[in-house]
């Protein structure tokens, strides 16, 4: 009998990535509950949520939303934690939109990760629904080649305003006059 992973690799990979994202979210929930809740940069209107975690080039990538930050997070490539030269050392990773700088870290339930900040602090976000939409848009841009704009939401004209330069700077929409 063939294991499900071999018969249905895409479904299994998607499930594994989603489960990994949920374990990571659990780790951040614990941190939020124990340490962050009373700090002034904690947005009490938001909660911790793993958005769109999926397989990517042998790893897992998605967006982690917390009441303190929104980061692109990837499971750290093998050996990343050991090869870093210090807590501030960066890791440059390639995505369809281009290369991004990530910072290695470790989160208890999943081990080594690498993250790139999109927003911090989160005071500009009023609710989880709009925060989730921004996280999904950021992930769509990340996974779209530079010459092919994200088209996951055909009824969202604001996506046309997102470009790689602004995404990499943490600004999702370019202001045009």
Protein backbone atom coordinates (compact mmCIF):
# COMPACT_ATOMS: atom_id res chain seq x y z
CA UNK A 1 0.00 0.00 0.00
CA UNK A 2 1.36 3.43 -0.98
CA UNK A 3 1.46 6.09 1.75
CA UNK A 4 -0.82 9.12 1.23
CA UNK A 5 2.20 11.41 0.93
CA UNK A 6 3.36 9.52 -2.17
CA UNK A 7 -0.11 9.19 -3.70
CA UNK A 8 -1.23 12.79 -2.97
CA UNK A 9 1.95 14.81 -2.43
CA UNK A 10 0.42 18.24 -3.02
CA UNK A 11 -2.41 17.72 -0.57
CA UNK A 12 -0.07 16.32 2.06
CA UNK A 13 2.48 19.12 1.57
CA UNK A 14 -0.27 21.72 1.89
CA UNK A 15 -1.52 20.07 5.07
CA UNK A 16 2.01 19.84 6.49
CA UNK A 17 2.67 23.52 5.71
CA UNK A 18 -0.60 24.59 7.28
CA UNK A 19 0.08 22.48 10.38
CA UNK A 20 3.60 23.95 10.64
CA UNK A 21 2.14 27.47 10.43
CA UNK A 22 -0.36 26.63 13.17
CA UNK A 23 2.40 25.28 15.45
CA UNK A 24 4.33 28.51 14.86
CA UNK A 25 1.20 30.54 15.66
CA UNK A 26 0.81 28.58 18.91
CA UNK A 27 4.35 29.56 19.87
CA UNK A 28 3.61 33.23 19.20
CA UNK A 29 0.29 33.01 21.09
CA UNK A 30 2.20 31.80 24.11
CA UNK A 31 4.65 34.69 23.82
CA UNK A 32 1.81 37.20 23.38
CA UNK A 33 -0.12 35.86 26.37
CA UNK A 34 2.89 35.65 28.70
CA UNK A 35 4.98 38.66 27.75
CA UNK A 36 3.53 41.13 25.25
CA UNK A 37 -0.10 41.75 26.27
CA UNK A 38 0.62 44.68 28.62
CA UNK A 39 3.26 46.41 26.50
CA UNK A 40 2.34 49.74 24.83
CA UNK A 41 2.98 48.50 21.26
CA UNK A 42 0.50 45.58 21.58
CA UNK A 43 -2.63 46.09 19.42
CA UNK A 44 -5.42 44.47 21.44
CA UNK A 45 -7.77 44.48 18.41
CA UNK A 46 -5.61 41.80 16.76
CA UNK A 47 -4.80 38.18 17.47
CA UNK A 48 -2.11 35.75 16.36
CA UNK A 49 -2.82 34.05 13.04
CA UNK A 50 -0.83 32.04 10.49
CA UNK A 51 -1.77 33.21 6.98
CA UNK A 52 -1.29 31.18 3.80
CA UNK A 53 1.52 28.86 4.85
CA UNK A 54 2.64 26.70 1.92
CA UNK A 55 5.62 24.79 0.63
CA UNK A 56 8.31 26.81 -1.12
CA UNK A 57 11.58 25.38 -2.48
CA UNK A 58 11.91 22.71 0.18
CA UNK A 59 10.75 24.96 3.01
CA UNK A 60 7.51 26.44 4.27
CA UNK A 61 6.58 30.10 3.86
CA UNK A 62 3.66 32.25 4.96
CA UNK A 63 2.76 35.41 6.84
CA UNK A 64 2.56 35.51 10.63
CA UNK A 65 0.25 38.16 12.08
CA UNK A 66 0.51 39.07 15.76
CA UNK A 67 -0.72 42.07 17.77
CA UNK A 68 2.87 43.36 17.59
CA UNK A 69 4.06 42.61 14.03
CA UNK A 70 3.33 41.12 10.62
CA UNK A 71 6.24 39.12 9.19
CA UNK A 72 6.92 36.87 6.23
CA UNK A 73 8.20 33.69 7.90
CA UNK A 74 9.98 30.73 6.35
CA UNK A 75 11.14 27.53 7.94
CA UNK A 76 14.87 28.02 8.17
CA UNK A 77 16.88 26.23 5.49
CA UNK A 78 18.98 23.36 6.84
CA UNK A 79 22.02 24.66 8.71
CA UNK A 80 20.86 28.29 8.84
CA UNK A 81 20.89 28.56 12.61
CA UNK A 82 24.39 27.07 12.85
CA UNK A 83 25.82 29.13 9.99
CA UNK A 84 24.66 32.53 11.24
CA UNK A 85 27.45 34.68 12.62
CA UNK A 86 25.34 36.30 15.31
CA UNK A 87 21.85 37.36 16.28
CA UNK A 88 21.81 40.23 13.77
CA UNK A 89 23.14 38.29 10.79
CA UNK A 90 20.86 38.34 7.77
CA UNK A 91 19.85 35.69 5.32
CA UNK A 92 19.06 36.59 1.71
CA UNK A 93 16.39 34.36 0.19
CA UNK A 94 14.96 34.33 -3.34
CA UNK A 95 11.26 34.51 -4.12
CA UNK A 96 9.40 35.08 -7.38
CA UNK A 97 9.17 38.82 -6.57
CA UNK A 98 12.94 38.99 -5.94
CA UNK A 99 15.36 38.52 -3.06
CA UNK A 100 14.48 39.46 0.52
CA UNK A 101 16.57 39.84 3.66
CA UNK A 102 15.48 37.58 6.50
CA UNK A 103 16.62 37.41 10.10
CA UNK A 104 17.19 33.97 11.61
CA UNK A 105 15.51 33.15 14.92
CA UNK A 106 14.19 30.20 16.86
CA UNK A 107 10.62 29.64 18.07
CA UNK A 108 10.09 26.79 20.52
CA UNK A 109 7.45 24.63 18.80
CA UNK A 110 9.03 24.69 15.33
CA UNK A 111 12.74 25.39 15.83
CA UNK A 112 14.77 27.60 13.49
CA UNK A 113 12.91 30.12 11.33
CA UNK A 114 13.79 33.16 9.27
CA UNK A 115 11.54 36.21 9.14
CA UNK A 116 11.24 39.48 7.23
CA UNK A 117 9.23 42.30 8.76
CA UNK A 118 6.28 43.73 6.85
CA UNK A 119 4.77 45.89 9.62
CA UNK A 120 5.75 46.70 13.18
CA UNK A 121 4.10 47.99 15.28
CA UNK A 122 0.55 47.17 14.20
CA UNK A 123 -1.27 50.36 15.22
CA UNK A 124 -2.55 51.01 11.67
CA UNK A 125 -4.73 47.87 11.76
CA UNK A 126 -8.23 48.01 13.24
CA UNK A 127 -9.46 44.42 12.91
CA UNK A 128 -8.40 40.92 11.90
CA UNK A 129 -10.41 40.87 8.66
CA UNK A 130 -8.54 43.82 7.12
CA UNK A 131 -5.24 42.63 8.62
CA UNK A 132 -5.76 39.19 7.08
CA UNK A 133 -6.51 40.77 3.68
CA UNK A 134 -3.24 42.76 3.79
CA UNK A 135 -1.30 39.64 4.80
CA UNK A 136 -2.83 37.68 1.91
CA UNK A 137 -2.02 40.52 -0.52
CA UNK A 138 1.57 40.65 0.72
CA UNK A 139 1.94 36.90 0.23
CA UNK A 140 0.45 37.16 -3.27
CA UNK A 141 3.02 39.84 -4.17
CA UNK A 142 5.84 37.78 -2.65
CA UNK A 143 4.91 34.77 -4.78
CA UNK A 144 4.31 36.73 -8.02
CA UNK A 145 7.13 37.32 -10.50
CA UNK A 146 8.15 40.96 -10.87
CA UNK A 147 6.79 41.17 -14.42
CA UNK A 148 3.46 39.47 -13.53
CA UNK A 149 1.44 41.46 -10.98
CA UNK A 150 -0.54 39.51 -8.43
CA UNK A 151 -3.98 38.73 -9.80
CA UNK A 152 -5.47 36.66 -7.01
CA UNK A 153 -8.18 39.25 -6.37
CA UNK A 154 -9.49 40.55 -9.71
CA UNK A 155 -11.98 42.82 -7.92
CA UNK A 156 -9.28 44.57 -5.87
CA UNK A 157 -8.00 47.48 -7.97
CA UNK A 158 -5.67 48.56 -5.15
CA UNK A 159 -3.46 45.54 -5.90
CA UNK A 160 -2.36 47.28 -9.07
CA UNK A 161 -0.70 49.88 -6.87
CA UNK A 162 1.59 47.35 -5.20
CA UNK A 163 5.04 47.02 -6.67
CA UNK A 164 8.13 45.13 -5.58
CA UNK A 165 10.04 48.22 -4.44
CA UNK A 166 7.22 49.25 -2.09
CA UNK A 167 6.67 45.70 -0.86
CA UNK A 168 10.36 45.36 0.05
CA UNK A 169 10.20 48.64 1.95
CA UNK A 170 7.16 47.47 3.91
CA UNK A 171 4.83 49.83 2.01
CA UNK A 172 2.09 47.94 0.21
CA UNK A 173 0.48 50.80 -1.70
CA UNK A 174 2.27 53.50 -3.61
CA UNK A 175 0.75 56.96 -3.15
CA UNK A 176 -0.03 58.53 -6.51
CA UNK A 177 -1.32 62.01 -7.12
